[in-house]
Amino acid sequence: DLKAANTRKEPERIRPRPLERVTLKGQNLTATLAPASWN
């Protein structure tokens, strides 16, 4: 829900979470980014 917000009643509705789908091999990194996401 892109309109979701943090409020007094729900202060952690939106917060950073672990980026699960990321791998590193040598100098090459691959990550899967969710739609409409900050990473």
PDB file of all heavy atoms in Angstrom:
ATOM      1  N   ASP A   1       0.857  -1.188   0.000  1.00  0.00           N
ATOM      2  CA  ASP A   1       0.000   0.000   0.000  1.00  0.00           C
ATOM      3  C   ASP A   1       0.892   1.236   0.000  1.00  0.00           C
ATOM      4  O   ASP A   1       1.463   1.602   1.030  1.00  0.00           O
ATOM      5  CB  ASP A   1      -0.901  -0.014   1.229  1.00  0.00           C
ATOM      6  CG  ASP A   1      -1.833   1.189   1.279  1.00  0.00           C
ATOM      7  OD1 ASP A   1      -1.810   2.010   0.332  1.00  0.00           O
ATOM      8  OD2 ASP A   1      -2.562   1.325   2.287  1.00  0.00           O
ATOM      9  N   LEU A   2       1.025   1.878  -1.149  1.00  0.00           N
ATOM     10  CA  LEU A   2       1.908   3.046  -1.253  1.00  0.00           C
ATOM     11  C   LEU A   2       1.380   4.243  -0.465  1.00  0.00           C
ATOM     12  O   LEU A   2       2.130   5.201  -0.235  1.00  0.00           O
ATOM     13  CB  LEU A   2       2.099   3.428  -2.720  1.00  0.00           C
ATOM     14  CG  LEU A   2       2.966   2.483  -3.545  1.00  0.00           C
ATOM     15  CD1 LEU A   2       3.051   2.962  -4.990  1.00  0.00           C
ATOM     16  CD2 LEU A   2       4.361   2.357  -2.945  1.00  0.00           C
ATOM     17  N   LYS A   3       0.132   4.218  -0.053  1.00  0.00           N
ATOM     18  CA  LYS A   3      -0.423   5.322   0.732  1.00  0.00           C
ATOM     19  C   LYS A   3      -0.300   5.075   2.234  1.00  0.00           C
ATOM     20  O   LYS A   3      -0.682   5.925   3.040  1.00  0.00           O
ATOM     21  CB  LYS A   3      -1.905   5.528   0.377  1.00  0.00           C
ATOM     22  CG  LYS A   3      -2.154   5.807  -1.097  1.00  0.00           C
ATOM     23  CD  LYS A   3      -1.422   7.043  -1.603  1.00  0.00           C
ATOM     24  CE  LYS A   3      -1.724   7.328  -3.063  1.00  0.00           C
ATOM     25  NZ  LYS A   3      -0.972   8.488  -3.578  1.00  0.00           N
ATOM     26  N   ALA A   4       0.236   3.933   2.629  1.00  0.00           N
ATOM     27  CA  ALA A   4       0.394   3.624   4.057  1.00  0.00           C
ATOM     28  C   ALA A   4       1.381   4.584   4.695  1.00  0.00           C
ATOM     29  O   ALA A   4       2.343   5.044   4.068  1.00  0.00           O
ATOM     30  CB  ALA A   4       0.868   2.184   4.226  1.00  0.00           C
ATOM     31  N   ALA A   5       1.158   4.895   5.983  1.00  0.00           N
ATOM     32  CA  ALA A   5       1.985   5.863   6.703  1.00  0.00           C
ATOM     33  C   ALA A   5       2.186   5.400   8.139  1.00  0.00           C
ATOM     34  O   ALA A   5       1.463   4.522   8.637  1.00  0.00           O
ATOM     35  CB  ALA A   5       1.317   7.242   6.686  1.00  0.00           C
ATOM     36  N   ASN A   6       3.165   5.987   8.799  1.00  0.00           N
ATOM     37  CA  ASN A   6       3.362   5.774  10.231  1.00  0.00           C
ATOM     38  C   ASN A   6       2.568   6.810  11.007  1.00  0.00           C
ATOM     39  O   ASN A   6       2.561   7.990  10.653  1.00  0.00           O
ATOM     40  CB  ASN A   6       4.848   5.882  10.593  1.00  0.00           C
ATOM     41  CG  ASN A   6       5.669   4.753  10.002  1.00  0.00           C
ATOM     42  OD1 ASN A   6       5.122   3.733   9.593  1.00  0.00           O
ATOM     43  ND2 ASN A   6       6.975   4.923   9.948  1.00  0.00           N
ATOM     44  N   THR A   7       1.903   6.360  12.052  1.00  0.00           N
ATOM     45  CA  THR A   7       1.064   7.243  12.847  1.00  0.00           C
ATOM     46  C   THR A   7       1.352   7.032  14.321  1.00  0.00           C
ATOM     47  O   THR A   7       2.090   6.124  14.699  1.00  0.00           O
ATOM     48  CB  THR A   7      -0.423   6.956  12.586  1.00  0.00           C
ATOM     49  OG1 THR A   7      -0.715   5.618  13.013  1.00  0.00           O
ATOM     50  CG2 THR A   7      -0.760   7.115  11.114  1.00  0.00           C
ATOM     51  N   ARG A   8       0.731   7.846  15.154  1.00  0.00           N
ATOM     52  CA  ARG A   8       0.902   7.692  16.593  1.00  0.00           C
ATOM     53  C   ARG A   8       0.459   6.297  17.055  1.00  0.00           C
ATOM     54  O   ARG A   8       1.087   5.675  17.901  1.00  0.00           O
ATOM     55  CB  ARG A   8       0.108   8.762  17.326  1.00  0.00           C
ATOM     56  CG  ARG A   8       0.440   8.829  18.823  1.00  0.00           C
ATOM     57  CD  ARG A   8      -0.850   8.932  19.631  1.00  0.00           C
ATOM     58  NE  ARG A   8      -0.597   9.187  21.027  1.00  0.00           N
ATOM     59  CZ  ARG A   8      -0.331   8.233  21.919  1.00  0.00           C
ATOM     60  NH1 ARG A   8      -0.204   6.968  21.546  1.00  0.00           N
ATOM     61  NH2 ARG A   8      -0.158   8.540  23.184  1.00  0.00           N
ATOM     62  N   LYS A   9      -0.625   5.786  16.459  1.00  0.00           N
ATOM     63  CA  LYS A   9      -1.135   4.470  16.851  1.00  0.00           C
ATOM     64  C   LYS A   9      -0.339   3.330  16.223  1.00  0.00           C
ATOM     65  O   LYS A   9      -0.289   2.228  16.776  1.00  0.00           O
ATOM     66  CB  LYS A   9      -2.618   4.347  16.465  1.00  0.00           C
ATOM     67  CG  LYS A   9      -3.538   5.248  17.270  1.00  0.00           C
ATOM     68  CD  LYS A   9      -4.987   5.022  16.885  1.00  0.00           C
ATOM     69  CE  LYS A   9      -5.923   5.884  17.729  1.00  0.00           C
ATOM     70  NZ  LYS A   9      -7.349   5.672  17.348  1.00  0.00           N
ATOM     71  N   GLU A  10       0.244   3.582  15.064  1.00  0.00           N
ATOM     72  CA  GLU A  10       0.992   2.543  14.361  1.00  0.00           C
ATOM     73  C   GLU A  10       2.328   3.145  13.890  1.00  0.00           C
ATOM     74  O   GLU A  10       2.548   3.362  12.693  1.00  0.00           O
ATOM     75  CB  GLU A  10       0.175   2.026  13.181  1.00  0.00           C
ATOM     76  CG  GLU A  10       0.615   0.656  12.715  1.00  0.00           C
ATOM     77  CD  GLU A  10      -0.300   0.099  11.640  1.00  0.00           C
ATOM     78  OE1 GLU A  10      -1.257   0.788  11.243  1.00  0.00           O
ATOM     79  OE2 GLU A  10      -0.059  -1.043  11.203  1.00  0.00           O
ATOM     80  N   PRO A  11       3.241   3.422  14.830  1.00  0.00           N
ATOM     81  CA  PRO A  11       4.449   4.185  14.501  1.00  0.00           C
ATOM     82  C   PRO A  11       5.471   3.422  13.673  1.00  0.00           C
ATOM     83  O   PRO A  11       6.395   4.046  13.134  1.00  0.00           O
ATOM     84  CB  PRO A  11       5.023   4.549  15.875  1.00  0.00           C
ATOM     85  CG  PRO A  11       4.518   3.489  16.791  1.00  0.00           C
ATOM     86  CD  PRO A  11       3.151   3.140  16.284  1.00  0.00           C
ATOM     87  N   GLU A  12       5.351   2.111  13.549  1.00  0.00           N
ATOM     88  CA  GLU A  12       6.317   1.334  12.772  1.00  0.00           C
ATOM     89  C   GLU A  12       5.651   0.578  11.633  1.00  0.00           C
ATOM     90  O   GLU A  12       6.112  -0.478  11.212  1.00  0.00           O
ATOM     91  CB  GLU A  12       7.085   0.379  13.690  1.00  0.00           C
ATOM     92  CG  GLU A  12       7.938   1.105  14.721  1.00  0.00           C
ATOM     93  CD  GLU A  12       8.865   0.175  15.471  1.00  0.00           C
ATOM     94  OE1 GLU A  12       8.818  -1.054  15.240  1.00  0.00           O
ATOM     95  OE2 GLU A  12       9.653   0.679  16.285  1.00  0.00           O
ATOM     96  N   ARG A  13       4.561   1.143  11.125  1.00  0.00           N
ATOM     97  CA  ARG A  13       3.874   0.515   9.986  1.00  0.00           C
ATOM     98  C   ARG A  13       4.835   0.369   8.795  1.00  0.00           C
ATOM     99  O   ARG A  13       4.881  -0.662   8.134  1.00  0.00           O
ATOM    100  CB  ARG A  13       2.669   1.380   9.588  1.00  0.00           C
ATOM    101  CG  ARG A  13       1.985   1.005   8.282  1.00  0.00           C
ATOM    102  CD  ARG A  13       1.230  -0.314   8.424  1.00  0.00           C
ATOM    103  NE  ARG A  13       0.375  -0.552   7.277  1.00  0.00           N
ATOM    104  CZ  ARG A  13       0.778  -1.083   6.123  1.00  0.00           C
ATOM    105  NH1 ARG A  13       2.033  -1.430   5.972  1.00  0.00           N
ATOM    106  NH2 ARG A  13      -0.070  -1.266   5.136  1.00  0.00           N
ATOM    107  N   ILE A  14       5.608   1.422   8.535  1.00  0.00           N
ATOM    108  CA  ILE A  14       6.603   1.397   7.476  1.00  0.00           C
ATOM    109  C   ILE A  14       7.979   1.525   8.122  1.00  0.00           C
ATOM    110  O   ILE A  14       8.252   2.477   8.857  1.00  0.00           O
ATOM    111  CB  ILE A  14       6.407   2.572   6.492  1.00  0.00           C
ATOM    112  CG1 ILE A  14       4.983   2.587   5.931  1.00  0.00           C
ATOM    113  CG2 ILE A  14       7.443   2.506   5.377  1.00  0.00           C
ATOM    114  CD1 ILE A  14       4.650   1.430   5.037  1.00  0.00           C
ATOM    115  N   ARG A  15       8.844   0.573   7.841  1.00  0.00           N
ATOM    116  CA  ARG A  15      10.219   0.616   8.359  1.00  0.00           C
ATOM    117  C   ARG A  15      11.091  -0.289   7.499  1.00  0.00           C
ATOM    118  O   ARG A  15      10.581  -1.146   6.778  1.00  0.00           O
ATOM    119  CB  ARG A  15      10.270   0.175   9.825  1.00  0.00           C
ATOM    120  CG  ARG A  15       9.757  -1.225  10.104  1.00  0.00           C
ATOM    121  CD  ARG A  15       9.734  -1.524  11.587  1.00  0.00           C
ATOM    122  NE  ARG A  15       9.140  -2.809  11.894  1.00  0.00           N
ATOM    123  CZ  ARG A  15       9.783  -3.970  11.902  1.00  0.00           C
ATOM    124  NH1 ARG A  15      11.086  -3.986  11.619  1.00  0.00           N
ATOM    125  NH2 ARG A  15       9.168  -5.094  12.189  1.00  0.00           N
ATOM    126  N   PRO A  16      12.405  -0.124   7.562  1.00  0.00           N
ATOM    127  CA  PRO A  16      13.285  -0.993   6.772  1.00  0.00           C
ATOM    128  C   PRO A  16      13.247  -2.426   7.278  1.00  0.00           C
ATOM    129  O   PRO A  16      13.130  -2.676   8.484  1.00  0.00           O
ATOM    130  CB  PRO A  16      14.677  -0.380   6.990  1.00  0.00           C
ATOM    131  CG  PRO A  16      14.435   0.965   7.556  1.00  0.00           C
ATOM    132  CD  PRO A  16      13.148   0.910   8.284  1.00  0.00           C
ATOM    133  N   ARG A  17      13.346  -3.345   6.346  1.00  0.00           N
ATOM    134  CA  ARG A  17      13.409  -4.770   6.665  1.00  0.00           C
ATOM    135  C   ARG A  17      14.569  -5.378   5.881  1.00  0.00           C
ATOM    136  O   ARG A  17      15.062  -4.791   4.919  1.00  0.00           O
ATOM    137  CB  ARG A  17      12.086  -5.457   6.320  1.00  0.00           C
ATOM    138  CG  ARG A  17      10.894  -4.838   7.051  1.00  0.00           C
ATOM    139  CD  ARG A  17       9.586  -5.485   6.660  1.00  0.00           C
ATOM    140  NE  ARG A  17       8.442  -4.742   7.187  1.00  0.00           N
ATOM    141  CZ  ARG A  17       7.967  -4.869   8.416  1.00  0.00           C
ATOM    142  NH1 ARG A  17       8.536  -5.731   9.251  1.00  0.00           N
ATOM    143  NH2 ARG A  17       6.925  -4.168   8.820  1.00  0.00           N
ATOM    144  N   PRO A  18      15.023  -6.557   6.278  1.00  0.00           N
ATOM    145  CA  PRO A  18      16.142  -7.168   5.562  1.00  0.00           C
ATOM    146  C   PRO A  18      15.816  -7.395   4.085  1.00  0.00           C
ATOM    147  O   PRO A  18      14.718  -7.818   3.736  1.00  0.00           O
ATOM    148  CB  PRO A  18      16.363  -8.486   6.297  1.00  0.00           C
ATOM    149  CG  PRO A  18      15.808  -8.260   7.668  1.00  0.00           C
ATOM    150  CD  PRO A  18      14.633  -7.355   7.471  1.00  0.00           C
ATOM    151  N   LEU A  19      16.790  -7.097   3.230  1.00  0.00           N
ATOM    152  CA  LEU A  19      16.692  -7.420   1.811  1.00  0.00           C
ATOM    153  C   LEU A  19      17.178  -8.858   1.651  1.00  0.00           C
ATOM    154  O   LEU A  19      18.367  -9.154   1.787  1.00  0.00           O
ATOM    155  CB  LEU A  19      17.550  -6.450   0.990  1.00  0.00           C
ATOM    156  CG  LEU A  19      17.604  -6.681  -0.512  1.00  0.00           C
ATOM    157  CD1 LEU A  19      16.225  -6.561  -1.144  1.00  0.00           C
ATOM    158  CD2 LEU A  19      18.582  -5.699  -1.157  1.00  0.00           C
ATOM    159  N   GLU A  20      16.261  -9.751   1.389  1.00  0.00           N
ATOM    160  CA  GLU A  20      16.565 -11.183   1.446  1.00  0.00           C
ATOM    161  C   GLU A  20      17.263 -11.691   0.195  1.00  0.00           C
ATOM    162  O   GLU A  20      18.182 -12.506   0.262  1.00  0.00           O
ATOM    163  CB  GLU A  20      15.266 -11.973   1.662  1.00  0.00           C
ATOM    164  CG  GLU A  20      14.488 -11.593   2.923  1.00  0.00           C
ATOM    165  CD  GLU A  20      15.171 -12.063   4.198  1.00  0.00           C
ATOM    166  OE1 GLU A  20      16.193 -12.772   4.108  1.00  0.00           O
ATOM    167  OE2 GLU A  20      14.681 -11.703   5.291  1.00  0.00           O
ATOM    168  N   ARG A  21      16.834 -11.225  -0.969  1.00  0.00           N
ATOM    169  CA  ARG A  21      17.307 -11.834  -2.213  1.00  0.00           C
ATOM    170  C   ARG A  21      18.492 -11.054  -2.782  1.00  0.00           C
ATOM    171  O   ARG A  21      18.364 -10.272  -3.725  1.00  0.00           O
ATOM    172  CB  ARG A  21      16.152 -11.912  -3.210  1.00  0.00           C
ATOM    173  CG  ARG A  21      15.058 -12.890  -2.769  1.00  0.00           C
ATOM    174  CD  ARG A  21      13.896 -12.896  -3.727  1.00  0.00           C
ATOM    175  NE  ARG A  21      13.135 -11.673  -3.660  1.00  0.00           N
ATOM    176  CZ  ARG A  21      12.119 -11.383  -4.483  1.00  0.00           C
ATOM    177  NH1 ARG A  21      11.782 -12.251  -5.431  1.00  0.00           N
ATOM    178  NH2 ARG A  21      11.456 -10.257  -4.361  1.00  0.00           N
ATOM    179  N   VAL A  22      19.636 -11.243  -2.165  1.00  0.00           N
ATOM    180  CA  VAL A  22      20.858 -10.586  -2.617  1.00  0.00           C
ATOM    181  C   VAL A  22      22.012 -11.571  -2.470  1.00  0.00           C
ATOM    182  O   VAL A  22      22.140 -12.253  -1.441  1.00  0.00           O
ATOM    183  CB  VAL A  22      21.115  -9.277  -1.837  1.00  0.00           C
ATOM    184  CG1 VAL A  22      21.128  -9.505  -0.340  1.00  0.00           C
ATOM    185  CG2 VAL A  22      22.406  -8.614  -2.288  1.00  0.00           C
ATOM    186  N   THR A  23      22.846 -11.678  -3.499  1.00  0.00           N
ATOM    187  CA  THR A  23      23.995 -12.582  -3.466  1.00  0.00           C
ATOM    188  C   THR A  23      25.226 -11.844  -3.974  1.00  0.00           C
ATOM    189  O   THR A  23      25.130 -10.924  -4.804  1.00  0.00           O
ATOM    190  CB  THR A  23      23.769 -13.831  -4.332  1.00  0.00           C
ATOM    191  OG1 THR A  23      23.513 -13.424  -5.689  1.00  0.00           O
ATOM    192  CG2 THR A  23      22.595 -14.646  -3.818  1.00  0.00           C
ATOM    193  N   LEU A  24      26.374 -12.262  -3.493  1.00  0.00           N
ATOM    194  CA  LEU A  24      27.643 -11.665  -3.890  1.00  0.00           C
ATOM    195  C   LEU A  24      28.614 -12.775  -4.252  1.00  0.00           C
ATOM    196  O   LEU A  24      28.862 -13.685  -3.453  1.00  0.00           O
ATOM    197  CB  LEU A  24      28.211 -10.814  -2.748  1.00  0.00           C
ATOM    198  CG  LEU A  24      29.582 -10.182  -2.982  1.00  0.00           C
ATOM    199  CD1 LEU A  24      29.516  -9.133  -4.083  1.00  0.00           C
ATOM    200  CD2 LEU A  24      30.113  -9.560  -1.687  1.00  0.00           C
ATOM    201  N   LYS A  25      29.160 -12.711  -5.457  1.00  0.00           N
ATOM    202  CA  LYS A  25      30.176 -13.659  -5.892  1.00  0.00           C
ATOM    203  C   LYS A  25      31.344 -12.860  -6.455  1.00  0.00           C
ATOM    204  O   LYS A  25      31.242 -12.282  -7.543  1.00  0.00           O
ATOM    205  CB  LYS A  25      29.623 -14.617  -6.946  1.00  0.00           C
ATOM    206  CG  LYS A  25      28.551 -15.559  -6.415  1.00  0.00           C
ATOM    207  CD  LYS A  25      28.079 -16.519  -7.495  1.00  0.00           C
ATOM    208  CE  LYS A  25      27.018 -17.485  -6.955  1.00  0.00           C
ATOM    209  NZ  LYS A  25      26.538 -18.423  -8.015  1.00  0.00           N
ATOM    210  N   GLY A  26      32.425 -12.809  -5.681  1.00  0.00           N
ATOM    211  CA  GLY A  26      33.567 -12.009  -6.101  1.00  0.00           C
ATOM    212  C   GLY A  26      33.214 -10.552  -6.192  1.00  0.00           C
ATOM    213  O   GLY A  26      32.819  -9.932  -5.200  1.00  0.00           O
ATOM    214  N   GLN A  27      33.315  -9.991  -7.409  1.00  0.00           N
ATOM    215  CA  GLN A  27      33.011  -8.575  -7.625  1.00  0.00           C
ATOM    216  C   GLN A  27      31.615  -8.372  -8.219  1.00  0.00           C
ATOM    217  O   GLN A  27      31.256  -7.256  -8.584  1.00  0.00           O
ATOM    218  CB  GLN A  27      34.052  -7.956  -8.559  1.00  0.00           C
ATOM    219  CG  GLN A  27      35.461  -7.945  -7.970  1.00  0.00           C
ATOM    220  CD  GLN A  27      36.469  -7.355  -8.942  1.00  0.00           C
ATOM    221  OE1 GLN A  27      36.289  -7.401 -10.157  1.00  0.00           O
ATOM    222  NE2 GLN A  27      37.538  -6.795  -8.399  1.00  0.00           N
ATOM    223  N   ASN A  28      30.845  -9.428  -8.263  1.00  0.00           N
ATOM    224  CA  ASN A  28      29.522  -9.359  -8.891  1.00  0.00           C
ATOM    225  C   ASN A  28      28.422  -9.570  -7.864  1.00  0.00           C
ATOM    226  O   ASN A  28      28.399 -10.576  -7.156  1.00  0.00           O
ATOM    227  CB  ASN A  28      29.417 -10.414  -9.994  1.00  0.00           C
ATOM    228  CG  ASN A  28      30.433 -10.187 -11.092  1.00  0.00           C
ATOM    229  OD1 ASN A  28      30.461  -9.125 -11.703  1.00  0.00           O
ATOM    230  ND2 ASN A  28      31.282 -11.179 -11.336  1.00  0.00           N
ATOM    231  N   LEU A  29      27.531  -8.599  -7.812  1.00  0.00           N
ATOM    232  CA  LEU A  29      26.407  -8.642  -6.874  1.00  0.00           C
ATOM    233  C   LEU A  29      25.114  -8.713  -7.668  1.00  0.00           C
ATOM    234  O   LEU A  29      24.956  -8.005  -8.675  1.00  0.00           O
ATOM    235  CB  LEU A  29      26.416  -7.406  -5.980  1.00  0.00           C
ATOM    236  CG  LEU A  29      25.304  -7.272  -4.942  1.00  0.00           C
ATOM    237  CD1 LEU A  29      25.841  -6.625  -3.671  1.00  0.00           C
ATOM    238  CD2 LEU A  29      24.120  -6.450  -5.461  1.00  0.00           C
ATOM    239  N   THR A  30      24.214  -9.555  -7.215  1.00  0.00           N
ATOM    240  CA  THR A  30      22.883  -9.633  -7.817  1.00  0.00           C
ATOM    241  C   THR A  30      21.843  -9.501  -6.724  1.00  0.00           C
ATOM    242  O   THR A  30      21.943 -10.152  -5.677  1.00  0.00           O
ATOM    243  CB  THR A  30      22.685 -10.972  -8.547  1.00  0.00           C
ATOM    244  OG1 THR A  30      23.689 -11.108  -9.550  1.00  0.00           O
ATOM    245  CG2 THR A  30      21.315 -11.026  -9.206  1.00  0.00           C
ATOM    246  N   ALA A  31      20.859  -8.627  -6.936  1.00  0.00           N
ATOM    247  CA  ALA A  31      19.784  -8.430  -5.958  1.00  0.00           C
ATOM    248  C   ALA A  31      18.457  -8.355  -6.693  1.00  0.00           C
ATOM    249  O   ALA A  31      18.383  -7.851  -7.821  1.00  0.00           O
ATOM    250  CB  ALA A  31      20.011  -7.161  -5.152  1.00  0.00           C
ATOM    251  N   THR A  32      17.426  -8.877  -6.054  1.00  0.00           N
ATOM    252  CA  THR A  32      16.070  -8.739  -6.580  1.00  0.00           C
ATOM    253  C   THR A  32      15.359  -7.665  -5.777  1.00  0.00           C
ATOM    254  O   THR A  32      15.162  -7.800  -4.565  1.00  0.00           O
ATOM    255  CB  THR A  32      15.306 -10.059  -6.486  1.00  0.00           C
ATOM    256  OG1 THR A  32      16.025 -11.063  -7.211  1.00  0.00           O
ATOM    257  CG2 THR A  32      13.910  -9.915  -7.071  1.00  0.00           C
ATOM    258  N   LEU A  33      14.988  -6.583  -6.458  1.00  0.00           N
ATOM    259  CA  LEU A  33      14.355  -5.443  -5.807  1.00  0.00           C
ATOM    260  C   LEU A  33      12.846  -5.499  -6.021  1.00  0.00           C
ATOM    261  O   LEU A  33      12.372  -5.676  -7.151  1.00  0.00           O
ATOM    262  CB  LEU A  33      14.902  -4.122  -6.372  1.00  0.00           C
ATOM    263  CG  LEU A  33      16.432  -3.979  -6.443  1.00  0.00           C
ATOM    264  CD1 LEU A  33      16.792  -2.587  -6.950  1.00  0.00           C
ATOM    265  CD2 LEU A  33      17.069  -4.252  -5.089  1.00  0.00           C
ATOM    266  N   ALA A  34      12.103  -5.339  -4.954  1.00  0.00           N
ATOM    267  CA  ALA A  34      10.643  -5.339  -5.040  1.00  0.00           C
ATOM    268  C   ALA A  34      10.166  -4.133  -5.844  1.00  0.00           C
ATOM    269  O   ALA A  34      10.869  -3.118  -5.956  1.00  0.00           O
ATOM    270  CB  ALA A  34      10.044  -5.302  -3.638  1.00  0.00           C
ATOM    271  N   PRO A  35       8.962  -4.214  -6.415  1.00  0.00           N
ATOM    272  CA  PRO A  35       8.409  -3.023  -7.080  1.00  0.00           C
ATOM    273  C   PRO A  35       8.309  -1.863  -6.085  1.00  0.00           C
ATOM    274  O   PRO A  35       8.030  -2.069  -4.902  1.00  0.00           O
ATOM    275  CB  PRO A  35       7.023  -3.479  -7.531  1.00  0.00           C
ATOM    276  CG  PRO A  35       7.066  -4.967  -7.510  1.00  0.00           C
ATOM    277  CD  PRO A  35       8.029  -5.349  -6.435  1.00  0.00           C
ATOM    278  N   ALA A  36       8.528  -0.659  -6.577  1.00  0.00           N
ATOM    279  CA  ALA A  36       8.387   0.551  -5.769  1.00  0.00           C
ATOM    280  C   ALA A  36       9.083   0.381  -4.418  1.00  0.00           C
ATOM    281  O   ALA A  36       8.442   0.381  -3.371  1.00  0.00           O
ATOM    282  CB  ALA A  36       6.921   0.901  -5.579  1.00  0.00           C
ATOM    283  N   SER A  37      10.388   0.239  -4.472  1.00  0.00           N
ATOM    284  CA  SER A  37      11.134  -0.033  -3.243  1.00  0.00           C
ATOM    285  C   SER A  37      12.394   0.814  -3.135  1.00  0.00           C
ATOM    286  O   SER A  37      13.015   1.170  -4.142  1.00  0.00           O
ATOM    287  CB  SER A  37      11.505  -1.514  -3.144  1.00  0.00           C
ATOM    288  OG  SER A  37      12.382  -1.882  -4.204  1.00  0.00           O
ATOM    289  N   TRP A  38      12.752   1.125  -1.900  1.00  0.00           N
ATOM    290  CA  TRP A  38      13.998   1.801  -1.541  1.00  0.00           C
ATOM    291  C   TRP A  38      14.908   0.742  -0.926  1.00  0.00           C
ATOM    292  O   TRP A  38      14.507   0.002  -0.026  1.00  0.00           O
ATOM    293  CB  TRP A  38      13.715   2.912  -0.536  1.00  0.00           C
ATOM    294  CG  TRP A  38      14.918   3.446   0.182  1.00  0.00           C
ATOM    295  CD1 TRP A  38      15.333   3.130   1.435  1.00  0.00           C
ATOM    296  CD2 TRP A  38      15.865   4.410  -0.310  1.00  0.00           C
ATOM    297  NE1 TRP A  38      16.471   3.821   1.772  1.00  0.00           N
ATOM    298  CE2 TRP A  38      16.820   4.619   0.726  1.00  0.00           C
ATOM    299  CE3 TRP A  38      15.995   5.111  -1.500  1.00  0.00           C
ATOM    300  CZ2 TRP A  38      17.888   5.508   0.584  1.00  0.00           C
ATOM    301  CZ3 TRP A  38      17.056   5.997  -1.648  1.00  0.00           C
ATOM    302  CH2 TRP A  38      17.980   6.197  -0.621  1.00  0.00           C
ATOM    303  N   ASN A  39      16.152   0.663  -1.420  1.00  0.00           N
ATOM    304  CA  ASN A  39      17.053  -0.407  -1.017  1.00  0.00           C
ATOM    305  C   ASN A  39      18.438   0.140  -0.700  1.00  0.00           C
ATOM    306  O   ASN A  39      18.942   1.049  -1.386  1.00  0.00           O
ATOM    307  CB  ASN A  39      17.181  -1.430  -2.145  1.00  0.00           C
ATOM    308  CG  ASN A  39      15.839  -1.958  -2.609  1.00  0.00           C
ATOM    309  OD1 ASN A  39      15.345  -2.948  -2.083  1.00  0.00           O
ATOM    310  ND2 ASN A  39      15.227  -1.285  -3.576  1.00  0.00           N
TER     311      ASN A  39
END
